[in-house]
Structures are given as structure tokens and as C-alpha cells.
Amino acid sequence: MVSTSTGEVMSSGTGATATTLVCSTKTYTTNNWVNYQVRITGGTGIGQIRTITANTGTTLTVATWTVTPDATSTFEITPNDDFIYLLGNNAVTM
């Protein structure tokens, strides 16, 4: 596993449902990854990208997968390419 300031690369998930991705080896802060993207980088479902709508300590919630990932799937969490981030402006406090 490699952590970066822009996201987190995971070695693999441990399961999934039609709208979740589970990594039971992690302990995320609840809703820390909301509005980030999860990208399936290997295994079942490779190439899919979904925006994270919620997360618990071990589970990421997303829109419905086209192909549900499984324990063979690897993924990474990255900033959302659909958003524009404004920094250095008094209008936004981060």
C-alpha cells in the first residue's frame, strides 16, 4: 500500500456489493473520502471509476457498478476529476 497526499493506493479490496467496495484491512475516518473517486485498477471491474458518496471505516459507497468488483480487484482513491478545487481564495475555507 502506498499513501500520497492526493489519494490512497490500495493493494486490493476484500469484497463488494452493487454499490459498495469493502477493504476490511483499512480503518478509514467516516466520510473522509466523500466526493473523491475510486478507480478499479486491476482484477474484476478494471477501468471503472465512481464518485464516493459515503464511507465507513472499511466500506466505500458509490453509484452502481457496471461489473461488481471482488477480492481480485485492486483500486485507488483519488481526487475527483469532475470537480474544480479553488485554493488561496478567502471565499473558501479548507
PDB file of N, CA and C in Angstrom:
ATOM      1  N   MET A   1       0.836  -1.176   0.000  1.00  0.00           N
ATOM      2  CA  MET A   1       0.000   0.000   0.000  1.00  0.00           C
ATOM      3  C   MET A   1       0.879   1.238   0.000  1.00  0.00           C
ATOM      4  N   VAL A   2       0.513   2.222  -0.808  1.00  0.00           N
ATOM      5  CA  VAL A   2       1.232   3.479  -0.894  1.00  0.00           C
ATOM      6  C   VAL A   2       0.255   4.604  -0.627  1.00  0.00           C
ATOM      7  N   SER A   3       0.586   5.482   0.287  1.00  0.00           N
ATOM      8  CA  SER A   3      -0.271   6.638   0.550  1.00  0.00           C
ATOM      9  C   SER A   3       0.360   7.867  -0.076  1.00  0.00           C
ATOM     10  N   THR A   4      -0.457   8.755  -0.624  1.00  0.00           N
ATOM     11  CA  THR A   4       0.028  10.009  -1.168  1.00  0.00           C
ATOM     12  C   THR A   4      -0.865  11.125  -0.670  1.00  0.00           C
ATOM     13  N   SER A   5      -0.463  12.349  -0.887  1.00  0.00           N
ATOM     14  CA  SER A   5      -1.281  13.468  -0.445  1.00  0.00           C
ATOM     15  C   SER A   5      -2.511  13.657  -1.324  1.00  0.00           C
ATOM     16  N   THR A   6      -2.524  13.057  -2.516  1.00  0.00           N
ATOM     17  CA  THR A   6      -3.654  13.240  -3.418  1.00  0.00           C
ATOM     18  C   THR A   6      -4.622  12.079  -3.382  1.00  0.00           C
ATOM     19  N   GLY A   7      -4.312  11.037  -2.695  1.00  0.00           N
ATOM     20  CA  GLY A   7      -5.198   9.892  -2.644  1.00  0.00           C
ATOM     21  C   GLY A   7      -4.501   8.733  -1.985  1.00  0.00           C
ATOM     22  N   GLU A   8      -5.072   7.568  -2.123  1.00  0.00           N
ATOM     23  CA  GLU A   8      -4.516   6.397  -1.480  1.00  0.00           C
ATOM     24  C   GLU A   8      -4.611   5.213  -2.427  1.00  0.00           C
ATOM     25  N   VAL A   9      -3.502   4.534  -2.637  1.00  0.00           N
ATOM     26  CA  VAL A   9      -3.489   3.361  -3.494  1.00  0.00           C
ATOM     27  C   VAL A   9      -3.616   2.139  -2.606  1.00  0.00           C
ATOM     28  N   MET A  10      -4.563   1.301  -2.910  1.00  0.00           N
ATOM     29  CA  MET A  10      -4.810   0.115  -2.106  1.00  0.00           C
ATOM     30  C   MET A  10      -4.311  -1.112  -2.848  1.00  0.00           C
ATOM     31  N   SER A  11      -3.923  -2.127  -2.112  1.00  0.00           N
ATOM     32  CA  SER A  11      -3.483  -3.354  -2.762  1.00  0.00           C
ATOM     33  C   SER A  11      -4.655  -4.142  -3.308  1.00  0.00           C
ATOM     34  N   SER A  12      -5.742  -4.236  -2.561  1.00  0.00           N
ATOM     35  CA  SER A  12      -6.918  -4.944  -3.073  1.00  0.00           C
ATOM     36  C   SER A  12      -8.105  -4.734  -2.146  1.00  0.00           C
ATOM     37  N   GLY A  13      -9.279  -4.943  -2.711  1.00  0.00           N
ATOM     38  CA  GLY A  13     -10.496  -4.936  -1.915  1.00  0.00           C
ATOM     39  C   GLY A  13     -10.698  -6.325  -1.329  1.00  0.00           C
ATOM     40  N   THR A  14     -11.639  -6.443  -0.423  1.00  0.00           N
ATOM     41  CA  THR A  14     -11.940  -7.761   0.143  1.00  0.00           C
ATOM     42  C   THR A  14     -13.365  -8.174  -0.138  1.00  0.00           C
ATOM     43  N   GLY A  15     -14.065  -7.395  -0.958  1.00  0.00           N
ATOM     44  CA  GLY A  15     -15.432  -7.721  -1.333  1.00  0.00           C
ATOM     45  C   GLY A  15     -16.150  -6.486  -1.825  1.00  0.00           C
ATOM     46  N   ALA A  16     -17.364  -6.688  -2.300  1.00  0.00           N
ATOM     47  CA  ALA A  16     -18.150  -5.579  -2.816  1.00  0.00           C
ATOM     48  C   ALA A  16     -19.597  -5.999  -2.963  1.00  0.00           C
ATOM     49  N   THR A  17     -20.472  -5.000  -3.102  1.00  0.00           N
ATOM     50  CA  THR A  17     -21.859  -5.225  -3.473  1.00  0.00           C
ATOM     51  C   THR A  17     -22.100  -4.369  -4.717  1.00  0.00           C
ATOM     52  N   ALA A  18     -23.337  -4.256  -5.144  1.00  0.00           N
ATOM     53  CA  ALA A  18     -23.653  -3.460  -6.332  1.00  0.00           C
ATOM     54  C   ALA A  18     -23.298  -1.985  -6.150  1.00  0.00           C
ATOM     55  N   THR A  19     -23.237  -1.512  -4.881  1.00  0.00           N
ATOM     56  CA  THR A  19     -22.970  -0.086  -4.637  1.00  0.00           C
ATOM     57  C   THR A  19     -21.877   0.168  -3.595  1.00  0.00           C
ATOM     58  N   THR A  20     -21.095  -0.842  -3.262  1.00  0.00           N
ATOM     59  CA  THR A  20     -20.026  -0.640  -2.278  1.00  0.00           C
ATOM     60  C   THR A  20     -18.746  -1.326  -2.714  1.00  0.00           C
ATOM     61  N   LEU A  21     -17.667  -0.932  -2.051  1.00  0.00           N
ATOM     62  CA  LEU A  21     -16.376  -1.594  -2.177  1.00  0.00           C
ATOM     63  C   LEU A  21     -15.830  -1.705  -0.765  1.00  0.00           C
ATOM     64  N   VAL A  22     -15.438  -2.902  -0.359  1.00  0.00           N
ATOM     65  CA  VAL A  22     -15.011  -3.163   1.015  1.00  0.00           C
ATOM     66  C   VAL A  22     -13.517  -3.474   1.050  1.00  0.00           C
ATOM     67  N   CYS A  23     -12.828  -2.864   1.992  1.00  0.00           N
ATOM     68  CA  CYS A  23     -11.429  -3.175   2.257  1.00  0.00           C
ATOM     69  C   CYS A  23     -11.316  -3.355   3.770  1.00  0.00           C
ATOM     70  N   SER A  24     -11.539  -4.582   4.229  1.00  0.00           N
ATOM     71  CA  SER A  24     -11.629  -4.850   5.670  1.00  0.00           C
ATOM     72  C   SER A  24     -10.303  -4.682   6.408  1.00  0.00           C
ATOM     73  N   THR A  25      -9.213  -4.471   5.676  1.00  0.00           N
ATOM     74  CA  THR A  25      -7.922  -4.256   6.327  1.00  0.00           C
ATOM     75  C   THR A  25      -7.686  -2.784   6.663  1.00  0.00           C
ATOM     76  N   LYS A  26      -8.621  -1.895   6.272  1.00  0.00           N
ATOM     77  CA  LYS A  26      -8.463  -0.463   6.499  1.00  0.00           C
ATOM     78  C   LYS A  26      -9.346   0.025   7.636  1.00  0.00           C
ATOM     79  N   THR A  27      -9.011   1.177   8.174  1.00  0.00           N
ATOM     80  CA  THR A  27      -9.850   1.866   9.147  1.00  0.00           C
ATOM     81  C   THR A  27      -9.918   3.335   8.742  1.00  0.00           C
ATOM     82  N   TYR A  28     -10.760   3.610   7.736  1.00  0.00           N
ATOM     83  CA  TYR A  28     -10.945   4.973   7.256  1.00  0.00           C
ATOM     84  C   TYR A  28     -11.705   5.794   8.289  1.00  0.00           C
ATOM     85  N   THR A  29     -11.518   7.090   8.266  1.00  0.00           N
ATOM     86  CA  THR A  29     -12.347   8.004   9.038  1.00  0.00           C
ATOM     87  C   THR A  29     -13.678   8.123   8.309  1.00  0.00           C
ATOM     88  N   THR A  30     -14.780   8.023   9.027  1.00  0.00           N
ATOM     89  CA  THR A  30     -16.109   8.075   8.409  1.00  0.00           C
ATOM     90  C   THR A  30     -16.264   9.331   7.559  1.00  0.00           C
ATOM     91  N   ASN A  31     -16.719   9.118   6.321  1.00  0.00           N
ATOM     92  CA  ASN A  31     -16.968  10.157   5.319  1.00  0.00           C
ATOM     93  C   ASN A  31     -15.748  10.986   4.942  1.00  0.00           C
ATOM     94  N   ASN A  32     -14.561  10.496   5.219  1.00  0.00           N
ATOM     95  CA  ASN A  32     -13.325  11.166   4.834  1.00  0.00           C
ATOM     96  C   ASN A  32     -13.152  11.219   3.320  1.00  0.00           C
ATOM     97  N   TRP A  33     -13.663  10.237   2.601  1.00  0.00           N
ATOM     98  CA  TRP A  33     -13.436  10.127   1.150  1.00  0.00           C
ATOM     99  C   TRP A  33     -14.632  10.585   0.316  1.00  0.00           C
ATOM    100  N   VAL A  34     -15.647  11.218   0.917  1.00  0.00           N
ATOM    101  CA  VAL A  34     -16.808  11.695   0.157  1.00  0.00           C
ATOM    102  C   VAL A  34     -16.346  12.678  -0.921  1.00  0.00           C
ATOM    103  N   ASN A  35     -16.865  12.499  -2.128  1.00  0.00           N
ATOM    104  CA  ASN A  35     -16.566  13.285  -3.333  1.00  0.00           C
ATOM    105  C   ASN A  35     -15.213  12.961  -3.960  1.00  0.00           C
ATOM    106  N   TYR A  36     -14.443  12.050  -3.405  1.00  0.00           N
ATOM    107  CA  TYR A  36     -13.263  11.532  -4.091  1.00  0.00           C
ATOM    108  C   TYR A  36     -13.732  10.459  -5.073  1.00  0.00           C
ATOM    109  N   GLN A  37     -12.833  10.002  -5.926  1.00  0.00           N
ATOM    110  CA  GLN A  37     -13.162   8.925  -6.851  1.00  0.00           C
ATOM    111  C   GLN A  37     -12.432   7.658  -6.455  1.00  0.00           C
ATOM    112  N   VAL A  38     -13.091   6.527  -6.687  1.00  0.00           N
ATOM    113  CA  VAL A  38     -12.425   5.241  -6.545  1.00  0.00           C
ATOM    114  C   VAL A  38     -12.287   4.675  -7.955  1.00  0.00           C
ATOM    115  N   ARG A  39     -11.085   4.245  -8.293  1.00  0.00           N
ATOM    116  CA  ARG A  39     -10.784   3.701  -9.612  1.00  0.00           C
ATOM    117  C   ARG A  39     -10.365   2.247  -9.456  1.00  0.00           C
ATOM    118  N   ILE A  40     -11.007   1.361 -10.193  1.00  0.00           N
ATOM    119  CA  ILE A  40     -10.622  -0.051 -10.181  1.00  0.00           C
ATOM    120  C   ILE A  40      -9.431  -0.189 -11.126  1.00  0.00           C
ATOM    121  N   THR A  41      -8.270  -0.544 -10.586  1.00  0.00           N
ATOM    122  CA  THR A  41      -7.025  -0.557 -11.350  1.00  0.00           C
ATOM    123  C   THR A  41      -6.587  -1.947 -11.784  1.00  0.00           C
ATOM    124  N   GLY A  42      -7.255  -2.975 -11.289  1.00  0.00           N
ATOM    125  CA  GLY A  42      -6.896  -4.341 -11.681  1.00  0.00           C
ATOM    126  C   GLY A  42      -7.964  -5.323 -11.243  1.00  0.00           C
ATOM    127  N   GLY A  43      -7.958  -6.511 -11.843  1.00  0.00           N
ATOM    128  CA  GLY A  43      -8.903  -7.555 -11.473  1.00  0.00           C
ATOM    129  C   GLY A  43     -10.294  -7.311 -12.025  1.00  0.00           C
ATOM    130  N   THR A  44     -11.283  -7.910 -11.400  1.00  0.00           N
ATOM    131  CA  THR A  44     -12.669  -7.791 -11.850  1.00  0.00           C
ATOM    132  C   THR A  44     -13.137  -6.346 -11.784  1.00  0.00           C
ATOM    133  N   GLY A  45     -13.696  -5.857 -12.886  1.00  0.00           N
ATOM    134  CA  GLY A  45     -14.215  -4.491 -12.942  1.00  0.00           C
ATOM    135  C   GLY A  45     -13.190  -3.436 -13.310  1.00  0.00           C
ATOM    136  N   ILE A  46     -12.007  -3.849 -13.773  1.00  0.00           N
ATOM    137  CA  ILE A  46     -10.948  -2.900 -14.110  1.00  0.00           C
ATOM    138  C   ILE A  46     -11.465  -1.804 -15.046  1.00  0.00           C
ATOM    139  N   GLY A  47     -11.013  -0.576 -14.792  1.00  0.00           N
ATOM    140  CA  GLY A  47     -11.370   0.558 -15.625  1.00  0.00           C
ATOM    141  C   GLY A  47     -12.550   1.370 -15.127  1.00  0.00           C
ATOM    142  N   GLN A  48     -13.314   0.852 -14.192  1.00  0.00           N
ATOM    143  CA  GLN A  48     -14.466   1.594 -13.678  1.00  0.00           C
ATOM    144  C   GLN A  48     -14.015   2.698 -12.724  1.00  0.00           C
ATOM    145  N   ILE A  49     -14.713   3.818 -12.788  1.00  0.00           N
ATOM    146  CA  ILE A  49     -14.456   4.952 -11.903  1.00  0.00           C
ATOM    147  C   ILE A  49     -15.801   5.391 -11.336  1.00  0.00           C
ATOM    148  N   ARG A  50     -15.873   5.551 -10.027  1.00  0.00           N
ATOM    149  CA  ARG A  50     -17.102   6.004  -9.382  1.00  0.00           C
ATOM    150  C   ARG A  50     -16.766   7.066  -8.335  1.00  0.00           C
ATOM    151  N   THR A  51     -17.676   8.021  -8.145  1.00  0.00           N
ATOM    152  CA  THR A  51     -17.537   9.013  -7.085  1.00  0.00           C
ATOM    153  C   THR A  51     -18.017   8.402  -5.780  1.00  0.00           C
ATOM    154  N   ILE A  52     -17.256   8.601  -4.727  1.00  0.00           N
ATOM    155  CA  ILE A  52     -17.607   8.075  -3.408  1.00  0.00           C
ATOM    156  C   ILE A  52     -18.646   8.999  -2.780  1.00  0.00           C
ATOM    157  N   THR A  53     -19.794   8.430  -2.395  1.00  0.00           N
ATOM    158  CA  THR A  53     -20.872   9.223  -1.800  1.00  0.00           C
ATOM    159  C   THR A  53     -20.899   9.135  -0.277  1.00  0.00           C
ATOM    160  N   ALA A  54     -20.242   8.119   0.287  1.00  0.00           N
ATOM    161  CA  ALA A  54     -20.143   7.950   1.743  1.00  0.00           C
ATOM    162  C   ALA A  54     -19.086   6.892   2.002  1.00  0.00           C
ATOM    163  N   ASN A  55     -18.570   6.874   3.221  1.00  0.00           N
ATOM    164  CA  ASN A  55     -17.691   5.766   3.607  1.00  0.00           C
ATOM    165  C   ASN A  55     -17.737   5.548   5.105  1.00  0.00           C
ATOM    166  N   THR A  56     -17.531   4.294   5.491  1.00  0.00           N
ATOM    167  CA  THR A  56     -17.380   3.925   6.893  1.00  0.00           C
ATOM    168  C   THR A  56     -15.912   3.560   7.092  1.00  0.00           C
ATOM    169  N   GLY A  57     -15.595   2.922   8.178  1.00  0.00           N
ATOM    170  CA  GLY A  57     -14.219   2.536   8.452  1.00  0.00           C
ATOM    171  C   GLY A  57     -13.629   1.576   7.437  1.00  0.00           C
ATOM    172  N   THR A  58     -14.475   0.761   6.814  1.00  0.00           N
ATOM    173  CA  THR A  58     -13.975  -0.247   5.879  1.00  0.00           C
ATOM    174  C   THR A  58     -14.689  -0.259   4.530  1.00  0.00           C
ATOM    175  N   THR A  59     -15.741   0.524   4.354  1.00  0.00           N
ATOM    176  CA  THR A  59     -16.579   0.418   3.161  1.00  0.00           C
ATOM    177  C   THR A  59     -16.746   1.759   2.469  1.00  0.00           C
ATOM    178  N   LEU A  60     -16.562   1.752   1.137  1.00  0.00           N
ATOM    179  CA  LEU A  60     -16.807   2.919   0.301  1.00  0.00           C
ATOM    180  C   LEU A  60     -18.144   2.723  -0.397  1.00  0.00           C
ATOM    181  N   THR A  61     -19.027   3.714  -0.363  1.00  0.00           N
ATOM    182  CA  THR A  61     -20.317   3.649  -1.051  1.00  0.00           C
ATOM    183  C   THR A  61     -20.236   4.495  -2.317  1.00  0.00           C
ATOM    184  N   VAL A  62     -20.712   3.915  -3.425  1.00  0.00           N
ATOM    185  CA  VAL A  62     -20.635   4.567  -4.736  1.00  0.00           C
ATOM    186  C   VAL A  62     -21.935   4.338  -5.495  1.00  0.00           C
ATOM    187  N   ALA A  63     -22.045   4.925  -6.698  1.00  0.00           N
ATOM    188  CA  ALA A  63     -23.156   4.602  -7.598  1.00  0.00           C
ATOM    189  C   ALA A  63     -22.976   3.147  -8.047  1.00  0.00           C
ATOM    190  N   THR A  64     -24.010   2.572  -8.621  1.00  0.00           N
ATOM    191  CA  THR A  64     -23.996   1.161  -9.015  1.00  0.00           C
ATOM    192  C   THR A  64     -22.848   0.844  -9.978  1.00  0.00           C
ATOM    193  N   TRP A  65     -22.136  -0.237  -9.665  1.00  0.00           N
ATOM    194  CA  TRP A  65     -21.066  -0.733 -10.540  1.00  0.00           C
ATOM    195  C   TRP A  65     -21.670  -1.363 -11.780  1.00  0.00           C
ATOM    196  N   THR A  66     -21.004  -1.251 -12.908  1.00  0.00           N
ATOM    197  CA  THR A  66     -21.393  -1.975 -14.115  1.00  0.00           C
ATOM    198  C   THR A  66     -21.028  -3.445 -13.937  1.00  0.00           C
ATOM    199  N   VAL A  67     -19.802  -3.696 -13.461  1.00  0.00           N
ATOM    200  CA  VAL A  67     -19.319  -5.031 -13.101  1.00  0.00           C
ATOM    201  C   VAL A  67     -18.883  -4.941 -11.642  1.00  0.00           C
ATOM    202  N   THR A  68     -19.511  -5.714 -10.778  1.00  0.00           N
ATOM    203  CA  THR A  68     -19.200  -5.640  -9.350  1.00  0.00           C
ATOM    204  C   THR A  68     -17.791  -6.150  -9.078  1.00  0.00           C
ATOM    205  N   PRO A  69     -16.929  -5.331  -8.464  1.00  0.00           N
ATOM    206  CA  PRO A  69     -15.581  -5.778  -8.105  1.00  0.00           C
ATOM    207  C   PRO A  69     -15.640  -6.929  -7.098  1.00  0.00           C
ATOM    208  N   ASP A  70     -14.534  -7.638  -6.950  1.00  0.00           N
ATOM    209  CA  ASP A  70     -14.457  -8.719  -5.972  1.00  0.00           C
ATOM    210  C   ASP A  70     -13.085  -8.689  -5.305  1.00  0.00           C
ATOM    211  N   ALA A  71     -12.730  -9.752  -4.618  1.00  0.00           N
ATOM    212  CA  ALA A  71     -11.466  -9.800  -3.873  1.00  0.00           C
ATOM    213  C   ALA A  71     -10.242  -9.763  -4.790  1.00  0.00           C
ATOM    214  N   THR A  72     -10.419  -9.980  -6.106  1.00  0.00           N
ATOM    215  CA  THR A  72      -9.285  -9.889  -7.033  1.00  0.00           C
ATOM    216  C   THR A  72      -9.052  -8.460  -7.503  1.00  0.00           C
ATOM    217  N   SER A  73      -9.986  -7.563  -7.199  1.00  0.00           N
ATOM    218  CA  SER A  73      -9.918  -6.185  -7.687  1.00  0.00           C
ATOM    219  C   SER A  73      -8.959  -5.350  -6.851  1.00  0.00           C
ATOM    220  N   THR A  74      -8.168  -4.536  -7.541  1.00  0.00           N
ATOM    221  CA  THR A  74      -7.336  -3.545  -6.865  1.00  0.00           C
ATOM    222  C   THR A  74      -7.925  -2.179  -7.192  1.00  0.00           C
ATOM    223  N   PHE A  75      -7.702  -1.219  -6.306  1.00  0.00           N
ATOM    224  CA  PHE A  75      -8.290   0.094  -6.531  1.00  0.00           C
ATOM    225  C   PHE A  75      -7.446   1.181  -5.916  1.00  0.00           C
ATOM    226  N   GLU A  76      -7.733   2.411  -6.345  1.00  0.00           N
ATOM    227  CA  GLU A  76      -7.106   3.575  -5.735  1.00  0.00           C
ATOM    228  C   GLU A  76      -8.160   4.641  -5.523  1.00  0.00           C
ATOM    229  N   ILE A  77      -7.926   5.457  -4.514  1.00  0.00           N
ATOM    230  CA  ILE A  77      -8.800   6.589  -4.214  1.00  0.00           C
ATOM    231  C   ILE A  77      -8.036   7.836  -4.629  1.00  0.00           C
ATOM    232  N   THR A  78      -8.674   8.665  -5.472  1.00  0.00           N
ATOM    233  CA  THR A  78      -8.017   9.866  -5.981  1.00  0.00           C
ATOM    234  C   THR A  78      -8.979  11.046  -5.910  1.00  0.00           C
ATOM    235  N   PRO A  79      -8.443  12.270  -6.008  1.00  0.00           N
ATOM    236  CA  PRO A  79      -9.342  13.425  -6.087  1.00  0.00           C
ATOM    237  C   PRO A  79     -10.272  13.276  -7.288  1.00  0.00           C
ATOM    238  N   ASN A  80     -11.435  13.867  -7.205  1.00  0.00           N
ATOM    239  CA  ASN A  80     -12.446  13.747  -8.243  1.00  0.00           C
ATOM    240  C   ASN A  80     -12.110  14.637  -9.425  1.00  0.00           C
ATOM    241  N   ASP A  81     -11.922  14.043 -10.605  1.00  0.00           N
ATOM    242  CA  ASP A  81     -11.603  14.801 -11.812  1.00  0.00           C
ATOM    243  C   ASP A  81     -12.763  15.659 -12.288  1.00  0.00           C
ATOM    244  N   ASP A  82     -13.974  15.423 -11.761  1.00  0.00           N
ATOM    245  CA  ASP A  82     -15.146  16.185 -12.166  1.00  0.00           C
ATOM    246  C   ASP A  82     -15.299  17.482 -11.381  1.00  0.00           C
ATOM    247  N   PHE A  83     -14.443  17.711 -10.378  1.00  0.00           N
ATOM    248  CA  PHE A  83     -14.554  18.891  -9.538  1.00  0.00           C
ATOM    249  C   PHE A  83     -13.412  19.861  -9.847  1.00  0.00           C
ATOM    250  N   ILE A  84     -13.652  21.135  -9.621  1.00  0.00           N
ATOM    251  CA  ILE A  84     -12.613  22.152  -9.693  1.00  0.00           C
ATOM    252  C   ILE A  84     -12.342  22.586  -8.256  1.00  0.00           C
ATOM    253  N   TYR A  85     -11.089  22.548  -7.858  1.00  0.00           N
ATOM    254  CA  TYR A  85     -10.718  22.909  -6.494  1.00  0.00           C
ATOM    255  C   TYR A  85     -10.114  24.302  -6.509  1.00  0.00           C
ATOM    256  N   LEU A  86     -10.662  25.210  -5.701  1.00  0.00           N
ATOM    257  CA  LEU A  86     -10.187  26.580  -5.624  1.00  0.00           C
ATOM    258  C   LEU A  86      -9.436  26.744  -4.311  1.00  0.00           C
ATOM    259  N   LEU A  87      -8.165  27.061  -4.414  1.00  0.00           N
ATOM    260  CA  LEU A  87      -7.335  27.252  -3.227  1.00  0.00           C
ATOM    261  C   LEU A  87      -6.768  28.663  -3.227  1.00  0.00           C
ATOM    262  N   GLY A  88      -6.452  29.187  -2.067  1.00  0.00           N
ATOM    263  CA  GLY A  88      -5.839  30.506  -1.964  1.00  0.00           C
ATOM    264  C   GLY A  88      -6.826  31.650  -2.152  1.00  0.00           C
ATOM    265  N   ASN A  89      -8.079  31.405  -1.851  1.00  0.00           N
ATOM    266  CA  ASN A  89      -9.103  32.430  -2.007  1.00  0.00           C
ATOM    267  C   ASN A  89      -9.850  32.542  -0.681  1.00  0.00           C
ATOM    268  N   ASN A  90     -10.127  33.733  -0.251  1.00  0.00           N
ATOM    269  CA  ASN A  90     -10.836  33.929   1.014  1.00  0.00           C
ATOM    270  C   ASN A  90     -12.271  33.441   0.982  1.00  0.00           C
ATOM    271  N   ALA A  91     -12.795  33.121  -0.192  1.00  0.00           N
ATOM    272  CA  ALA A  91     -14.188  32.676  -0.311  1.00  0.00           C
ATOM    273  C   ALA A  91     -14.387  31.254   0.196  1.00  0.00           C
ATOM    274  N   VAL A  92     -13.323  30.479   0.278  1.00  0.00           N
ATOM    275  CA  VAL A  92     -13.437  29.073   0.663  1.00  0.00           C
ATOM    276  C   VAL A  92     -12.470  28.806   1.810  1.00  0.00           C
ATOM    277  N   THR A  93     -12.971  28.197   2.863  1.00  0.00           N
ATOM    278  CA  THR A  93     -12.122  27.788   3.980  1.00  0.00           C
ATOM    279  C   THR A  93     -11.917  26.289   3.898  1.00  0.00           C
ATOM    280  N   MET A  94     -10.687  25.851   3.899  1.00  0.00           N
ATOM    281  CA  MET A  94     -10.402  24.407   3.809  1.00  0.00           C
ATOM    282  C   MET A  94      -9.639  23.954   5.015  1.00  0.00           C
TER     283      MET A  94
END
